[in-house]
Amino acid sequence: MVQVCLNGPRGAADGTAVPLTPESMARAAAEAVAAGATDIHVHPKTPCGQDSLSPRVVAATLDAIRARVSVPVGVTTGAWAEPDPAVRLARVRAWTVLPDHASVNWHEPGAESLAVALIDLGVGVEAGIWSGTDAAARFAVSPLGPKVLRVLAEVTDTDAPEAAAHTLLAELGPAHGRPVLLHGEDAGAWPVLRLAGRLDLATRIGLEDTLFLPGGERAVSDAQLVAEALVQYGWSQRSA
């Protein structure tokens, strides 16, 4: 599986390629799926471009994307979108249109309560396990581990991303038997994606994780990143 991460917490300062409105996110999603993405991760945003967990904002984003694609669509629940764990939980419980899945960063305060709420709503949980945090240790002893949809193993180290990825995977161990999606960010995005290919793990790519192609050229779209990711990941050889 190659998931496309359409925008992340990036904003207008990161360039016009980053989709910030429901319409531009839907267009980017459709192009990325046409390029080969099989799953979508998106950050719904307010009109001023800030990540939001508002039921209205989430609904508008999901409705727009689902009008264009039929693959699963997931959203963030990152603490930067709503720092107060109680308010964040209340906002998620008030969602009127539900995503297929939502990422929950296991090192953030209130993560397990949020995961319980999502599971109760019938939303798949992507357990975000970041390198350099205690998330893997927390997840290892969590009773929710067997109930999550998948583990998002996120390598935040950009200096030695492959080594950090191996360390993170070792910390995760069997990961409660759940599928693992391995990805990096910025300078680590492409090395970690190639490693995911060699290890036969799911991965992701998009303007959230990197603004650049492997050769250093600026990416013009999520679709361009997805198309290149399939080459780097070795998808053609797997499909042969």
Protein backbone atom coordinates (compact mmCIF):
# COMPACT_ATOMS: atom_id res chain seq x y z
CA MET A 1 0.00 0.00 0.00
CA VAL A 2 1.18 3.49 -0.87
CA GLN A 3 -0.76 6.15 1.01
CA VAL A 4 -0.68 9.77 -0.12
CA CYS A 5 -0.35 12.42 2.59
CA LEU A 6 -1.78 15.42 0.77
CA ASN A 7 -0.75 18.43 2.84
CA GLY A 8 0.09 17.91 6.51
CA PRO A 9 0.49 20.99 8.70
CA ARG A 10 2.09 22.88 5.81
CA GLY A 11 0.65 26.20 4.71
CA ALA A 12 0.78 28.83 1.99
CA ALA A 13 4.43 29.59 2.75
CA ASP A 14 5.32 26.07 1.55
CA GLY A 15 4.20 26.82 -2.01
CA THR A 16 1.13 26.74 -4.19
CA ALA A 17 1.40 22.98 -4.75
CA VAL A 18 0.19 22.32 -1.18
CA PRO A 19 -3.62 21.90 -1.23
CA LEU A 20 -5.29 23.99 1.47
CA THR A 21 -8.99 24.15 0.52
CA PRO A 22 -11.49 21.27 0.30
CA GLU A 23 -11.65 21.72 -3.47
CA SER A 24 -7.88 21.69 -3.95
CA MET A 25 -7.52 18.72 -1.59
CA ALA A 26 -10.15 16.81 -3.58
CA ARG A 27 -8.38 17.59 -6.84
CA ALA A 28 -5.01 16.58 -5.41
CA ALA A 29 -6.54 13.37 -4.03
CA ALA A 30 -8.05 12.43 -7.39
CA GLU A 31 -4.76 13.06 -9.20
CA ALA A 32 -2.79 11.07 -6.60
CA VAL A 33 -5.16 8.11 -6.83
CA ALA A 34 -4.91 8.22 -10.62
CA ALA A 35 -1.11 8.10 -10.16
CA GLY A 36 -1.39 4.98 -8.01
CA ALA A 37 -2.16 5.96 -4.40
CA THR A 38 -4.52 3.52 -2.68
CA ASP A 39 -5.24 5.43 0.53
CA ILE A 40 -5.41 9.10 1.56
CA HIS A 41 -4.27 10.99 4.65
CA VAL A 42 -5.29 14.64 4.84
CA HIS A 43 -5.26 17.55 7.26
CA PRO A 44 -8.56 19.47 7.08
CA LYS A 45 -7.94 23.21 7.28
CA THR A 46 -9.73 26.41 8.16
CA PRO A 47 -10.08 29.13 5.50
CA CYS A 48 -6.89 30.71 6.89
CA GLY A 49 -4.98 27.47 6.33
CA GLN A 50 -4.72 26.15 9.89
CA ASP A 51 -5.22 22.46 10.73
CA SER A 52 -8.61 21.94 12.34
CA LEU A 53 -10.64 19.18 13.99
CA SER A 54 -13.85 21.21 13.73
CA PRO A 55 -16.78 19.00 12.69
CA ARG A 56 -17.72 21.52 10.00
CA VAL A 57 -14.20 21.68 8.56
CA VAL A 58 -13.71 17.91 8.68
CA ALA A 59 -17.08 17.28 7.01
CA ALA A 60 -16.41 19.74 4.18
CA THR A 61 -13.03 18.16 3.48
CA LEU A 62 -14.26 14.57 3.54
CA ASP A 63 -17.31 15.33 1.41
CA ALA A 64 -15.20 17.08 -1.22
CA ILE A 65 -12.62 14.28 -1.43
CA ARG A 66 -15.17 11.46 -1.44
CA ALA A 67 -16.98 13.12 -4.32
CA ARG A 68 -13.84 12.53 -6.40
CA VAL A 69 -12.34 9.24 -5.12
CA SER A 70 -13.50 5.92 -3.70
CA VAL A 71 -10.38 4.89 -1.74
CA PRO A 72 -10.26 5.16 2.08
CA VAL A 73 -9.73 8.66 3.45
CA GLY A 74 -8.15 9.41 6.82
CA VAL A 75 -7.49 12.57 8.80
CA THR A 76 -5.12 13.78 11.47
CA THR A 77 -5.95 14.23 15.14
CA GLY A 78 -2.60 15.87 15.91
CA ALA A 79 -2.34 17.87 19.12
CA TRP A 80 -1.16 20.93 17.18
CA ALA A 81 -4.69 21.17 15.73
CA GLU A 82 -6.17 21.29 19.24
CA PRO A 83 -3.69 21.26 22.15
CA ASP A 84 -6.24 20.65 24.94
CA PRO A 85 -6.84 16.85 25.13
CA ALA A 86 -10.38 17.28 26.49
CA VAL A 87 -11.36 19.72 23.76
CA ARG A 88 -9.72 17.54 21.12
CA LEU A 89 -11.72 14.54 22.32
CA ALA A 90 -14.96 16.53 22.34
CA ARG A 91 -14.38 17.75 18.80
CA VAL A 92 -13.77 14.24 17.50
CA ARG A 93 -16.89 12.94 19.24
CA ALA A 94 -18.87 15.73 17.56
CA TRP A 95 -17.81 14.81 14.01
CA THR A 96 -20.87 14.54 11.78
CA VAL A 97 -19.05 13.01 8.82
CA LEU A 98 -16.62 10.26 9.78
CA PRO A 99 -13.33 9.44 8.07
CA ASP A 100 -12.43 5.86 7.29
CA HIS A 101 -9.46 6.18 9.63
CA ALA A 102 -7.67 8.76 11.75
CA SER A 103 -4.09 8.95 12.96
CA VAL A 104 -3.48 9.17 16.70
CA ASN A 105 0.02 10.09 17.82
CA TRP A 106 0.67 7.75 20.74
CA HIS A 107 3.13 10.07 22.48
CA GLU A 108 0.61 12.91 22.75
CA PRO A 109 -1.46 13.50 25.91
CA GLY A 110 -4.87 11.85 25.75
CA ALA A 111 -3.92 9.53 22.88
CA GLU A 112 -5.53 6.37 24.25
CA SER A 113 -8.79 8.11 25.21
CA LEU A 114 -8.94 9.54 21.72
CA ALA A 115 -8.30 6.12 20.19
CA VAL A 116 -11.11 4.61 22.27
CA ALA A 117 -13.51 7.31 21.06
CA LEU A 118 -12.57 6.70 17.44
CA ILE A 119 -12.97 2.94 17.76
CA ASP A 120 -16.38 3.47 19.40
CA LEU A 121 -17.36 5.63 16.40
CA GLY A 122 -16.30 2.89 14.01
CA VAL A 123 -13.29 4.84 12.73
CA GLY A 124 -10.09 2.92 12.12
CA VAL A 125 -7.14 4.07 14.23
CA GLU A 126 -3.69 4.55 12.76
CA ALA A 127 -1.37 4.47 15.77
CA GLY A 128 1.30 7.07 15.12
CA ILE A 129 4.58 5.87 16.63
CA TRP A 130 7.26 8.53 16.23
CA SER A 131 10.97 7.83 16.52
CA GLY A 132 12.66 9.68 19.35
CA THR A 133 9.61 9.42 21.63
CA ASP A 134 8.33 6.88 24.15
CA ALA A 135 5.41 6.00 21.87
CA ALA A 136 6.67 2.51 21.02
CA ALA A 137 7.01 1.60 24.69
CA ARG A 138 3.54 2.97 25.44
CA PHE A 139 2.01 1.12 22.51
CA ALA A 140 3.68 -2.16 23.47
CA VAL A 141 1.69 -2.30 26.71
CA SER A 142 -1.52 -0.73 25.44
CA PRO A 143 -4.67 -2.90 25.51
CA LEU A 144 -5.76 -1.02 22.41
CA GLY A 145 -2.84 -2.32 20.36
CA PRO A 146 -4.68 -5.30 18.84
CA LYS A 147 -7.63 -3.05 17.94
CA VAL A 148 -5.89 -0.45 15.79
CA LEU A 149 -6.11 -0.52 12.01
CA ARG A 150 -2.38 -0.15 11.48
CA VAL A 151 0.77 1.33 12.96
CA LEU A 152 2.26 4.45 11.39
CA ALA A 153 5.97 4.15 12.12
CA GLU A 154 7.18 7.71 11.56
CA VAL A 155 10.90 8.34 11.33
CA THR A 156 11.60 11.93 12.35
CA ASP A 157 15.40 11.65 12.11
CA THR A 158 16.64 13.25 8.89
CA ASP A 159 20.40 12.77 9.46
CA ALA A 160 20.48 8.97 9.66
CA PRO A 161 16.92 7.99 8.72
CA GLU A 162 17.54 4.35 7.80
CA ALA A 163 19.31 3.62 11.08
CA ALA A 164 16.52 5.40 12.96
CA ALA A 165 13.94 3.36 11.05
CA HIS A 166 15.60 0.07 12.01
CA THR A 167 15.73 1.20 15.64
CA LEU A 168 12.06 2.20 15.60
CA LEU A 169 10.99 -1.10 14.04
CA ALA A 170 12.99 -2.99 16.67
CA GLU A 171 11.29 -0.98 19.41
CA LEU A 172 7.89 -1.80 17.92
CA GLY A 173 8.61 -5.51 17.83
CA PRO A 174 5.56 -7.51 16.74
CA ALA A 175 3.36 -4.38 17.04
CA HIS A 176 0.45 -6.46 18.39
CA GLY A 177 0.32 -8.19 15.03
CA ARG A 178 -0.94 -5.06 13.28
CA PRO A 179 0.24 -3.97 9.81
CA VAL A 180 3.03 -1.37 9.82
CA LEU A 181 3.26 1.61 7.49
CA LEU A 182 6.82 2.97 7.53
CA HIS A 183 7.62 6.51 6.40
CA GLY A 184 10.04 9.36 6.93
CA GLU A 185 9.92 13.11 6.54
CA ASP A 186 11.83 15.82 4.70
CA ALA A 187 15.37 14.59 3.93
CA GLY A 188 14.48 11.19 5.36
CA ALA A 189 11.35 10.65 3.28
CA TRP A 190 12.91 8.93 0.26
CA PRO A 191 15.50 6.78 2.08
CA VAL A 192 12.81 5.48 4.45
CA LEU A 193 10.37 4.86 1.58
CA ARG A 194 12.98 2.79 -0.24
CA LEU A 195 13.65 0.85 2.97
CA ALA A 196 9.92 0.17 3.32
CA GLY A 197 10.00 -1.28 -0.17
CA ARG A 198 12.90 -3.57 0.67
CA LEU A 199 11.15 -4.71 3.85
CA ASP A 200 7.82 -5.19 2.05
CA LEU A 201 6.05 -2.71 4.34
CA ALA A 202 3.34 -0.25 3.44
CA THR A 203 4.53 3.32 3.05
CA ARG A 204 3.35 6.81 2.22
CA ILE A 205 4.46 9.91 0.37
CA GLY A 206 3.09 13.35 -0.33
CA LEU A 207 3.62 17.03 0.30
CA GLU A 208 3.23 16.50 4.04
CA ASP A 209 6.35 14.36 4.14
CA THR A 210 8.47 16.10 1.51
CA LEU A 211 8.33 18.98 -0.94
CA PHE A 212 11.08 17.51 -3.12
CA LEU A 213 11.69 14.67 -5.54
CA PRO A 214 14.60 12.28 -4.90
CA GLY A 215 16.91 14.32 -7.15
CA GLY A 216 16.25 17.51 -5.22
CA GLU A 217 13.81 19.12 -7.66
CA ARG A 218 10.74 20.78 -6.19
CA ALA A 219 7.64 18.59 -6.54
CA VAL A 220 4.77 20.15 -8.45
CA SER A 221 2.04 17.94 -6.96
CA ASP A 222 1.19 15.04 -4.70
CA ALA A 223 0.55 12.98 -7.82
CA GLN A 224 4.09 13.53 -9.03
CA LEU A 225 5.43 12.35 -5.68
CA VAL A 226 3.20 9.26 -5.77
CA ALA A 227 4.31 8.36 -9.29
CA GLU A 228 7.96 8.65 -8.29
CA ALA A 229 7.31 6.75 -5.06
CA LEU A 230 6.03 3.74 -6.98
CA VAL A 231 9.31 3.66 -8.90
CA GLN A 232 11.46 4.11 -5.79
CA TYR A 233 9.39 1.59 -3.81
CA GLY A 234 9.77 -1.00 -6.55
CA TRP A 235 6.05 -1.41 -7.21
CA SER A 236 6.50 -2.46 -10.85
CA GLN A 237 8.75 -5.34 -9.87
CA ARG A 238 6.26 -6.45 -7.21
CA SER A 239 3.38 -6.36 -9.70
CA ALA A 240 5.24 -8.26 -12.42
